Protein backbone atom coordinates (compact mmCIF):
# COMPACT_ATOMS: atom_id res chain seq x y z
CA MET A 1 102.20 85.26 149.15
CA THR A 2 104.03 82.16 147.99
CA SER A 3 103.02 82.35 144.33
CA LEU A 4 101.98 84.85 141.65
CA ALA A 5 100.62 84.42 138.14
CA ILE A 6 101.05 86.58 135.08
CA THR A 7 98.45 86.61 132.30
CA HIS A 8 99.05 89.32 129.72
CA HIS A 9 96.34 89.98 127.17
CA GLY A 10 97.13 88.01 124.03
CA SER A 11 100.88 87.87 124.57
CA MET A 12 103.64 86.43 126.75
CA TYR A 13 106.26 89.15 126.35
CA GLY A 14 106.85 89.63 130.07
CA VAL A 15 106.97 85.97 131.08
CA ILE A 16 110.74 85.45 131.26
CA ASP A 17 111.45 88.61 133.27
CA PHE A 18 108.54 87.79 135.57
CA TYR A 19 109.69 84.18 136.02
CA SER A 20 113.25 85.19 136.89
CA GLU A 21 112.23 87.99 139.27
CA ALA A 22 109.73 85.77 141.07
CA LEU A 23 112.28 83.01 141.66
CA GLN A 24 114.86 85.49 142.92
CA ASN A 25 112.34 86.71 145.48
CA GLY A 26 111.27 83.26 146.67
CA ILE A 27 107.90 83.38 144.89
CA LYS A 28 106.60 80.57 142.72
CA PRO A 29 105.96 81.95 139.22
CA ILE A 30 102.79 80.81 137.46
CA ILE A 31 102.78 81.45 133.73
CA GLY A 32 99.63 82.14 131.79
CA CYS A 33 97.94 84.27 129.18
CA GLU A 34 94.52 85.86 128.82
CA VAL A 35 93.95 84.84 125.23
CA TYR A 36 91.38 86.19 122.80
CA VAL A 37 89.06 83.53 121.39
CA ALA A 38 87.48 84.08 117.97
CA VAL A 39 83.70 84.38 118.15
CA GLY A 40 83.36 82.28 115.00
CA ASP A 41 85.82 81.06 112.38
CA ARG A 42 89.35 82.38 112.74
CA ARG A 43 89.25 83.55 109.11
CA SER A 44 86.08 85.58 109.66
CA LYS A 45 86.58 89.34 109.69
CA GLU A 46 83.08 90.65 110.24
CA PRO A 47 82.22 93.52 112.64
CA ALA A 48 81.32 91.03 115.39
CA ASP A 49 84.81 89.54 115.16
CA ARG A 50 86.36 92.75 116.47
CA THR A 51 85.28 91.80 120.02
CA PRO A 52 86.56 88.25 120.67
CA TYR A 53 85.97 86.39 123.91
CA HIS A 54 88.52 86.36 126.72
CA LEU A 55 89.85 83.11 128.18
CA THR A 56 92.46 82.69 130.93
CA LEU A 57 94.98 79.91 130.26
CA ILE A 58 97.67 78.78 132.72
CA ALA A 59 100.54 76.36 132.11
CA LYS A 60 100.62 73.42 134.54
CA ASP A 61 103.95 72.05 133.38
CA ASN A 62 106.50 72.39 130.60
CA SER A 63 104.27 70.65 128.07
CA GLY A 64 101.54 73.15 128.94
CA TYR A 65 104.03 76.01 128.58
CA LYS A 66 104.96 74.80 125.09
CA ASN A 67 101.29 74.50 124.17
CA LEU A 68 100.64 77.99 125.49
CA VAL A 69 103.49 79.34 123.36
CA GLN A 70 102.01 77.55 120.34
CA LEU A 71 98.56 79.00 121.01
CA VAL A 72 99.84 82.56 121.35
CA THR A 73 102.08 82.23 118.30
CA LYS A 74 99.32 80.84 116.09
CA ALA A 75 96.91 83.45 117.42
CA HIS A 76 99.21 86.10 115.95
CA LEU A 77 100.07 84.28 112.72
CA GLU A 78 96.76 82.62 111.86
CA GLY A 79 93.95 84.35 113.71
CA PHE A 80 94.96 88.00 113.97
CA TYR A 81 92.13 90.47 113.40
CA TYR A 82 92.54 93.62 115.50
CA ARG A 83 93.78 91.21 118.17
CA PRO A 84 95.61 87.86 118.14
CA ARG A 85 92.84 85.24 118.27
CA VAL A 86 92.85 81.54 119.03
CA TYR A 87 89.91 79.36 118.00
CA LYS A 88 88.15 76.32 119.37
CA GLN A 89 89.95 73.73 117.22
CA LEU A 90 93.31 75.21 118.24
CA LEU A 91 92.34 74.95 121.90
CA GLU A 92 91.50 71.28 121.41
CA GLU A 93 94.87 70.62 119.77
CA HIS A 94 96.90 72.35 122.50
CA ALA A 95 94.91 71.69 125.68
CA ASN A 96 97.40 69.28 127.23
CA GLY A 97 99.11 70.62 130.33
CA ILE A 98 96.94 73.75 130.45
CA ILE A 99 94.49 74.95 133.10
CA ALA A 100 91.64 77.04 131.67
CA LEU A 101 89.55 79.61 133.54
CA SER A 102 86.30 80.84 131.99
CA GLY A 103 87.44 84.45 131.89
CA CYS A 104 86.22 87.87 133.01
CA LEU A 105 82.96 89.51 131.96
CA ASN A 106 84.22 89.29 128.37
CA GLY A 107 84.60 85.51 128.56
CA GLU A 108 82.35 83.39 126.36
CA ILE A 109 80.26 81.96 129.21
CA PRO A 110 79.88 85.29 131.08
CA ARG A 111 78.81 87.03 127.86
CA MET A 112 76.22 84.35 127.19
CA ILE A 113 74.92 84.73 130.73
CA GLN A 114 74.59 88.48 130.25
CA SER A 115 72.64 87.99 127.02
CA GLY A 116 70.35 85.33 128.50
CA GLN A 117 71.57 82.38 126.37
CA THR A 118 70.82 79.78 129.04
CA GLU A 119 71.13 76.66 126.88
CA ASN A 120 74.28 77.90 125.15
CA VAL A 121 75.85 78.60 128.54
CA ARG A 122 75.37 74.97 129.56
CA ASN A 123 76.63 73.55 126.25
CA THR A 124 79.68 75.81 126.25
CA GLY A 125 80.51 74.82 129.83
CA LEU A 126 80.30 71.15 128.86
CA TRP A 127 82.54 71.77 125.83
CA PHE A 128 85.27 73.35 127.96
CA LYS A 129 84.94 70.57 130.53
CA GLU A 130 85.36 67.96 127.80
CA VAL A 131 88.43 69.69 126.34
CA PHE A 132 90.23 70.56 129.61
CA GLY A 133 88.69 67.97 131.94
CA GLU A 134 89.23 68.67 135.63
CA ASP A 135 91.52 71.55 134.67
CA PHE A 136 88.61 73.80 133.68
CA TYR A 137 87.34 76.31 136.27
CA LEU A 138 84.52 78.85 136.30
CA GLU A 139 86.10 82.18 137.13
CA ILE A 140 84.37 84.62 139.50
CA GLN A 141 85.48 88.18 140.21
CA ARG A 142 84.12 91.07 142.27
CA HIS A 143 84.72 94.76 141.65
CA PRO A 144 82.59 97.63 142.97
CA GLY A 145 80.55 99.34 140.27
CA LEU A 146 80.17 96.25 138.06
CA SER A 147 76.56 95.29 138.73
CA GLU A 148 76.53 92.78 135.87
CA GLN A 149 79.35 90.89 137.61
CA GLU A 150 77.05 90.01 140.52
CA MET A 151 74.47 88.54 138.17
CA VAL A 152 77.16 86.58 136.31
CA ASN A 153 78.65 85.30 139.59
CA ALA A 154 75.26 84.02 140.75
CA GLU A 155 74.77 82.11 137.49
CA LEU A 156 78.30 80.72 137.61
CA LEU A 157 77.70 79.35 141.11
CA THR A 158 74.59 77.57 139.83
CA LEU A 159 76.40 76.30 136.73
CA SER A 160 79.24 75.01 138.92
CA ARG A 161 76.83 72.87 140.93
CA ASP A 162 74.86 71.66 137.89
CA LEU A 163 77.85 70.64 135.77
CA ASP A 164 80.28 69.79 138.57
CA ILE A 165 82.80 72.37 137.39
CA PRO A 166 84.95 73.93 140.16
CA LEU A 167 84.99 77.66 140.88
CA VAL A 168 88.04 79.88 141.23
CA ALA A 169 88.19 83.46 142.49
CA THR A 170 90.47 85.85 140.61
CA ASN A 171 91.17 89.55 140.71
CA ASP A 172 91.55 91.76 137.66
CA PHE A 173 94.94 93.21 138.59
CA HIS A 174 96.42 96.20 136.76
CA TYR A 175 98.60 97.87 139.42
CA VAL A 176 100.24 96.72 142.63
CA LEU A 177 99.16 99.29 145.20
CA LYS A 178 95.64 100.62 145.76
CA GLU A 179 96.94 104.18 145.78
CA ASP A 180 98.29 103.68 142.24
CA ALA A 181 94.76 103.76 140.78
CA PRO A 182 95.07 107.41 139.61
CA LEU A 183 98.30 106.51 137.82
CA GLN A 184 96.54 103.70 135.98
CA ASP A 185 93.99 106.28 134.84
CA ILE A 186 96.85 108.44 133.54
CA LEU A 187 98.36 105.49 131.66
CA ILE A 188 95.01 104.69 130.04
CA CYS A 189 94.75 108.34 128.96
CA ILE A 190 98.22 108.09 127.43
CA HIS A 191 97.37 104.85 125.61
CA THR A 192 94.03 106.14 124.30
CA ASN A 193 95.21 109.70 123.58
CA THR A 194 92.66 111.30 125.93
CA THR A 195 92.90 113.51 129.01
CA ILE A 196 91.60 113.25 132.57
CA ASN A 197 89.11 116.01 131.70
CA ASP A 198 87.34 113.79 129.15
CA GLU A 199 84.28 112.35 130.90
CA LYS A 200 83.74 109.82 128.11
CA ARG A 201 87.24 108.38 128.25
CA LEU A 202 87.98 104.71 128.81
CA ARG A 203 88.62 104.23 132.50
CA MET A 204 88.55 101.77 135.38
CA HIS A 205 86.01 102.87 137.96
CA GLY A 206 87.23 102.70 141.51
CA ASP A 207 90.53 101.54 142.99
CA SER A 208 89.90 97.80 143.30
CA TYR A 209 92.21 96.64 140.51
CA HIS A 210 95.29 96.35 142.73
CA LEU A 211 97.18 93.32 144.02
CA LYS A 212 94.81 92.17 146.76
CA SER A 213 96.00 90.24 149.79
CA PRO A 214 94.69 86.73 150.53
CA GLN A 215 92.63 88.23 153.34
CA GLU A 216 91.02 90.77 151.01
CA MET A 217 90.18 88.06 148.48
CA THR A 218 88.68 85.80 151.15
CA ALA A 219 86.47 88.62 152.40
CA LEU A 220 85.19 89.28 148.88
CA PHE A 221 83.71 85.79 148.41
CA PRO A 222 82.10 84.59 151.66
CA GLU A 223 79.55 82.62 149.62
CA ALA A 224 82.22 80.54 147.83
CA PRO A 225 85.17 79.64 150.11
CA GLU A 226 86.09 76.81 147.72
CA ALA A 227 86.78 79.44 145.03
CA ILE A 228 89.50 80.86 147.28
CA SER A 229 91.03 77.50 148.23
CA ASN A 230 91.08 76.53 144.55
CA THR A 231 93.53 79.36 143.84
CA GLN A 232 96.03 77.56 146.07
CA ARG A 233 95.14 74.24 144.45
CA ILE A 234 95.90 75.66 141.02
CA ALA A 235 99.16 77.14 142.31
CA GLU A 236 100.22 73.73 143.61
CA LEU A 237 99.35 72.10 140.26
CA CYS A 238 101.56 74.52 138.33
CA ASN A 239 105.22 73.56 138.08
CA VAL A 240 106.80 75.05 134.98
CA LYS A 241 110.59 74.79 135.07
CA LEU A 242 112.50 76.99 132.64
CA SER A 243 116.22 76.49 132.21
CA PHE A 244 118.56 79.26 131.11
CA ASP A 245 121.86 77.39 131.52
CA GLN A 246 121.74 75.73 128.11
CA ILE A 247 122.10 77.47 124.78
CA HIS A 248 120.12 75.91 121.95
CA LEU A 249 121.99 76.33 118.68
CA PRO A 250 121.36 74.70 115.32
CA ASP A 251 123.75 71.91 114.35
CA TYR A 252 125.61 73.04 111.29
CA LYS A 253 125.73 70.15 108.82
CA ALA A 254 129.41 69.96 107.92
CA PRO A 255 130.50 68.00 104.82
CA GLY A 256 130.93 64.32 105.55
CA ASN A 257 129.30 64.80 108.97
CA LYS A 258 132.55 66.19 110.30
CA ASP A 259 132.72 67.34 113.89
CA SER A 260 131.85 71.07 114.03
CA ASP A 261 135.02 72.00 115.95
CA LEU A 262 137.17 70.11 113.46
CA TYR A 263 135.43 71.67 110.46
CA LEU A 264 135.75 75.16 111.96
CA SER A 265 139.46 74.56 112.53
CA GLU A 266 139.94 73.45 108.92
CA LEU A 267 138.11 76.50 107.56
CA CYS A 268 140.19 78.82 109.73
CA SER A 269 143.47 77.22 108.64
CA GLN A 270 142.49 77.63 105.00
CA GLY A 271 141.31 81.18 105.66
CA LEU A 272 144.50 82.22 107.41
CA GLN A 273 146.57 80.82 104.54
CA GLY A 274 144.42 82.77 102.11
CA ARG A 275 144.55 85.99 104.12
CA LEU A 276 148.21 85.87 105.21
CA PRO A 277 150.30 83.25 103.38
CA GLY A 278 153.16 82.22 105.63
CA ALA A 279 151.69 84.08 108.62
CA PRO A 280 154.02 84.55 111.63
CA ALA A 281 153.85 82.01 114.47
CA ARG A 282 151.93 84.43 116.69
CA TYR A 283 148.97 84.17 114.30
CA GLN A 284 149.00 80.38 114.58
CA GLU A 285 149.21 80.62 118.36
CA ARG A 286 146.35 83.13 118.53
CA LEU A 287 144.20 81.02 116.20
CA LEU A 288 144.73 77.87 118.28
CA PHE A 289 143.95 79.82 121.45
CA GLU A 290 140.68 81.18 120.05
CA LEU A 291 139.62 77.80 118.66
CA GLU A 292 140.23 76.21 122.06
CA ILE A 293 138.04 78.81 123.80
CA ILE A 294 135.32 78.24 121.19
CA ARG A 295 135.59 74.49 121.79
CA GLN A 296 135.33 74.92 125.56
CA THR A 297 132.30 77.21 125.28
CA ARG A 298 130.68 74.99 122.60
CA PHE A 299 130.06 77.81 120.18
CA ALA A 300 131.52 76.20 117.04
CA ASN A 301 128.08 75.76 115.48
CA TYR A 302 127.30 79.42 116.06
CA PHE A 303 130.47 80.52 114.26
CA LEU A 304 129.71 78.14 111.39
CA VAL A 305 126.16 79.46 111.02
CA VAL A 306 127.45 83.05 110.93
CA TRP A 307 130.07 82.02 108.37
CA ASP A 308 127.36 80.38 106.26
CA ILE A 309 125.20 83.53 106.31
CA ILE A 310 128.12 85.81 105.42
CA SER A 311 129.25 83.41 102.68
CA PHE A 312 125.79 83.57 101.15
CA ALA A 313 125.74 87.37 101.32
CA ARG A 314 129.18 87.67 99.76
CA GLY A 315 128.37 85.14 97.04
CA SER A 316 125.11 86.92 96.23
CA GLY A 317 126.62 90.38 96.18
CA VAL A 318 124.65 91.54 99.23
CA LEU A 319 126.50 94.31 101.03
CA TYR A 320 127.11 93.63 104.71
CA GLY A 321 129.04 94.88 107.69
CA VAL A 322 130.01 93.48 111.08
CA ARG A 323 130.12 95.71 114.17
CA GLY A 324 131.34 95.58 117.72
CA SER A 325 133.80 93.37 119.59
CA ALA A 326 133.62 90.65 116.92
CA ALA A 327 136.47 92.53 115.22
CA ALA A 328 138.74 91.19 118.00
CA SER A 329 138.43 87.62 116.72
CA LEU A 330 141.07 86.14 114.44
CA VAL A 331 138.72 83.21 113.77
CA LEU A 332 136.14 85.57 112.25
CA TYR A 333 138.89 87.29 110.27
CA CYS A 334 140.05 83.94 108.89
CA LEU A 335 136.45 82.96 108.05
CA GLY A 336 136.01 86.18 106.08
CA VAL A 337 133.28 87.43 108.42
CA THR A 338 135.35 90.49 109.36
CA ASP A 339 138.03 92.31 107.45
CA VAL A 340 139.98 93.61 110.45
CA ASP A 341 143.22 91.89 111.43
CA PRO A 342 142.93 91.90 115.24
CA LEU A 343 146.63 91.29 115.80
CA GLN A 344 147.60 94.28 113.68
CA TYR A 345 145.52 96.53 115.95
CA ASN A 346 146.23 94.66 119.23
CA LEU A 347 142.56 93.82 119.78
CA VAL A 348 141.81 91.66 122.82
CA PHE A 349 139.85 88.49 122.01
CA GLU A 350 138.64 88.11 125.61
CA ARG A 351 136.50 91.24 125.18
CA PHE A 352 134.55 89.24 122.61
CA LEU A 353 134.64 85.76 124.14
CA ASN A 354 136.28 84.09 127.12
CA ALA A 355 135.91 80.80 128.93
CA GLU A 356 134.13 82.36 131.93
CA ARG A 357 131.50 84.11 129.83
CA LYS A 358 128.06 82.50 130.04
CA GLU A 359 126.35 84.61 127.38
CA MET A 360 126.66 83.97 123.68
CA PRO A 361 129.24 86.05 121.82
CA ASP A 362 127.59 88.91 119.99
CA ILE A 363 128.31 89.09 116.27
CA ASP A 364 126.35 92.10 115.00
CA MET A 365 125.74 91.86 111.28
CA ASP A 366 124.13 94.50 109.07
CA PHE A 367 122.86 93.83 105.55
CA GLN A 368 121.80 96.30 102.88
CA ASP A 369 118.17 97.07 103.61
CA ASP A 370 116.77 96.47 100.12
CA ARG A 371 118.20 92.91 99.99
CA ARG A 372 117.87 91.88 103.60
CA ASP A 373 114.91 89.64 102.73
CA GLU A 374 117.21 87.51 100.53
CA VAL A 375 119.44 86.76 103.51
CA ILE A 376 116.45 85.89 105.70
CA ARG A 377 115.08 83.64 102.97
CA HIS A 378 118.42 81.82 102.75
CA VAL A 379 118.43 81.22 106.51
CA VAL A 380 114.83 79.94 106.39
CA ASN A 381 115.61 77.61 103.49
CA THR A 382 118.76 76.31 105.21
CA TYR A 383 117.53 75.80 108.76
CA GLY A 384 113.75 75.52 108.35
CA LYS A 385 110.95 78.03 108.81
CA ASP A 386 110.19 76.68 112.28
CA HIS A 387 113.76 77.45 113.43
CA VAL A 388 113.95 81.08 112.32
CA ALA A 389 112.34 84.10 113.96
CA GLN A 390 112.74 87.84 113.90
CA ILE A 391 113.08 89.29 117.38
CA ILE A 392 110.99 92.10 118.85
CA THR A 393 112.31 95.27 120.45
CA PHE A 394 110.46 97.05 123.24
CA GLY A 395 110.74 100.77 123.77
CA THR A 396 110.71 102.07 127.33
CA MET A 397 109.51 105.45 128.53
CA GLY A 398 112.41 107.84 129.03
CA PRO A 399 112.25 110.95 131.25
CA LYS A 400 111.46 113.37 128.40
CA ALA A 401 108.72 111.10 127.00
CA ALA A 402 107.27 110.64 130.48
CA ILE A 403 106.96 114.42 130.92
CA ARG A 404 105.34 114.95 127.52
CA ASP A 405 102.96 111.98 127.84
CA ALA A 406 101.95 112.88 131.38
CA GLY A 407 101.42 116.48 130.25
CA ARG A 408 98.99 115.39 127.53
CA ALA A 409 97.07 113.14 129.93
CA LEU A 410 96.87 115.91 132.55
CA ALA A 411 95.67 118.40 129.89
CA ILE A 412 98.68 120.65 130.46
CA PRO A 413 99.39 122.84 127.40
CA TYR A 414 101.98 121.17 125.18
CA ALA A 415 104.26 124.23 125.19
CA GLU A 416 104.59 124.07 128.99
CA ALA A 417 105.23 120.33 129.10
CA ASP A 418 107.68 120.58 126.22
CA ARG A 419 109.60 123.35 128.02
CA ILE A 420 110.00 121.11 131.06
CA ALA A 421 111.05 118.17 128.88
CA ARG A 422 113.73 120.31 127.20
CA LEU A 423 115.24 121.09 130.59
CA ILE A 424 116.11 117.41 131.07
CA PRO A 425 119.72 116.64 130.09
CA VAL A 426 120.13 114.08 127.32
CA ARG A 427 122.24 111.81 129.53
CA ALA A 428 119.80 111.80 132.46
CA HIS A 429 118.37 108.30 132.89
CA THR A 430 115.83 109.34 135.52
CA LEU A 431 113.98 112.49 136.49
CA GLY A 432 115.79 112.35 139.82
CA GLU A 433 119.12 112.61 138.02
CA ALA A 434 117.78 115.51 135.98
CA GLU A 435 116.65 117.38 139.11
CA SER A 436 120.06 117.00 140.74
CA SER A 437 121.75 118.73 137.78
CA VAL A 438 119.04 121.26 136.81
CA PRO A 439 118.03 123.53 139.72
CA GLU A 440 114.95 124.83 137.87
CA LEU A 441 113.50 121.31 137.72
CA LYS A 442 114.11 120.87 141.45
CA SER A 443 112.40 124.15 142.29
CA LEU A 444 109.43 123.34 140.04
CA ASN A 445 109.02 119.95 141.69
CA ASP A 446 109.10 121.57 145.15
CA SER A 447 106.48 124.16 144.18
CA ASN A 448 102.75 123.74 144.59
CA SER A 449 101.77 124.10 140.95
CA SER A 450 100.45 122.09 138.01
CA LEU A 451 104.02 121.70 136.77
CA SER A 452 104.98 120.14 140.10
CA THR A 453 102.08 117.71 139.63
CA LEU A 454 103.36 117.02 136.13
CA ILE A 455 106.87 116.14 137.32
CA LYS A 456 105.61 113.99 140.21
CA THR A 457 103.21 112.14 137.88
CA ALA A 458 105.93 111.57 135.28
CA LYS A 459 108.18 110.14 138.01
CA GLN A 460 105.46 107.77 139.17
CA ILE A 461 104.52 106.48 135.71
CA ARG A 462 108.19 105.95 134.94
CA LYS A 463 108.34 103.79 138.06
CA ILE A 464 105.30 101.63 137.29
CA ARG A 465 105.58 101.61 133.50
CA GLN A 466 107.15 98.17 133.51
CA GLU A 467 104.44 96.59 135.69
CA LYS A 468 102.29 94.29 133.60
CA ASN A 469 98.55 93.69 133.57
CA CYS A 470 97.91 90.27 135.03
CA LYS A 471 95.66 88.25 137.30
CA ILE A 472 96.36 86.45 140.56
């Protein structure tokens, strides 16, 4: 394959990793999102609003990528009800540069087809065509066991001819290899807190939700070869270019519109005089050296922003602390950000920042938890609400958690799974590492027992845990 697309449900968390990995492997990355569309008004929170429509959106270019980011962001901030929801007006406002596919069986048009709303199907198709123009496609899929999909596909083929809307064939893709289907079942059990013994559990029937080859996809849709060729057409239309070689920092507004490097130098000179009046020449030399590195790496604005935040905290009586290699900077000591004299303790500045380093220097700041909101409010008021965000942290499944979660899904008594988990050394990053240092784990894995199945399953779900649900 020459290209792959990623379309998480309602989010774009995996886009950057996916984009980078695809490029490194010579594959064209196509960025999208399977958004949730509010059934009615975005403010409505009735029972029917708990099951929004699905809609597949793909960025054609950088303007489309920005619009997609806006849609997903506003879906979380403005339309969230059980799920992040966009709404029709929002789609109209951010349609530029975006390719829209009508969605899976939970799309608006497929749902209307299933409920026999013939006239509404036509009107909705025309609405999407008006909003997205030639970039709107009717999406057909085929999975064994979904009889309603065949009926929907037949109606979509007719609608395509009647309204002159192109078709595109997609595959609901949740795991890479066909043989990984049982592992997907385990993961669903983990997510829904059920076991494989529960006949009523949420599950994907069959093993057709893998990454199908072009040949497999072509064989699935002999009645619509144009739906296959349109996947390549869409791939050729998509050309999002993300750049990671430029750091976007706010411009600190220095008094009198002074140059940021000059203003930082002035603050440091004043700070050094205040900290160590008549400081030895080595302090002056170290300060000039650090300021030159900061100038070369263009991080003056970053240092000034940090200084501004710390100055606010100190002036407001908010307790704070700074951790890590930032203590090696005389500049930060002079600015009052840290209280450690790096020269007194022979701390090496290059561990914190050097001219060859491409990443931003890391100044870890902690603020007292019951007044943290005051600091955030100051930053928002200073730099604007649209320039401030709180970052998200993702937890990954460690070896012990994998054993316990797999044990629950496999209906293995908790005491047995917990005993195995406790055998894993704290410092073991993988189950393989744990086996090499704990003979009992190795012997259990080599046995032909339920505990061997447990360990093998935990290994496998650890391996695929990072794979994301997407469509191709």
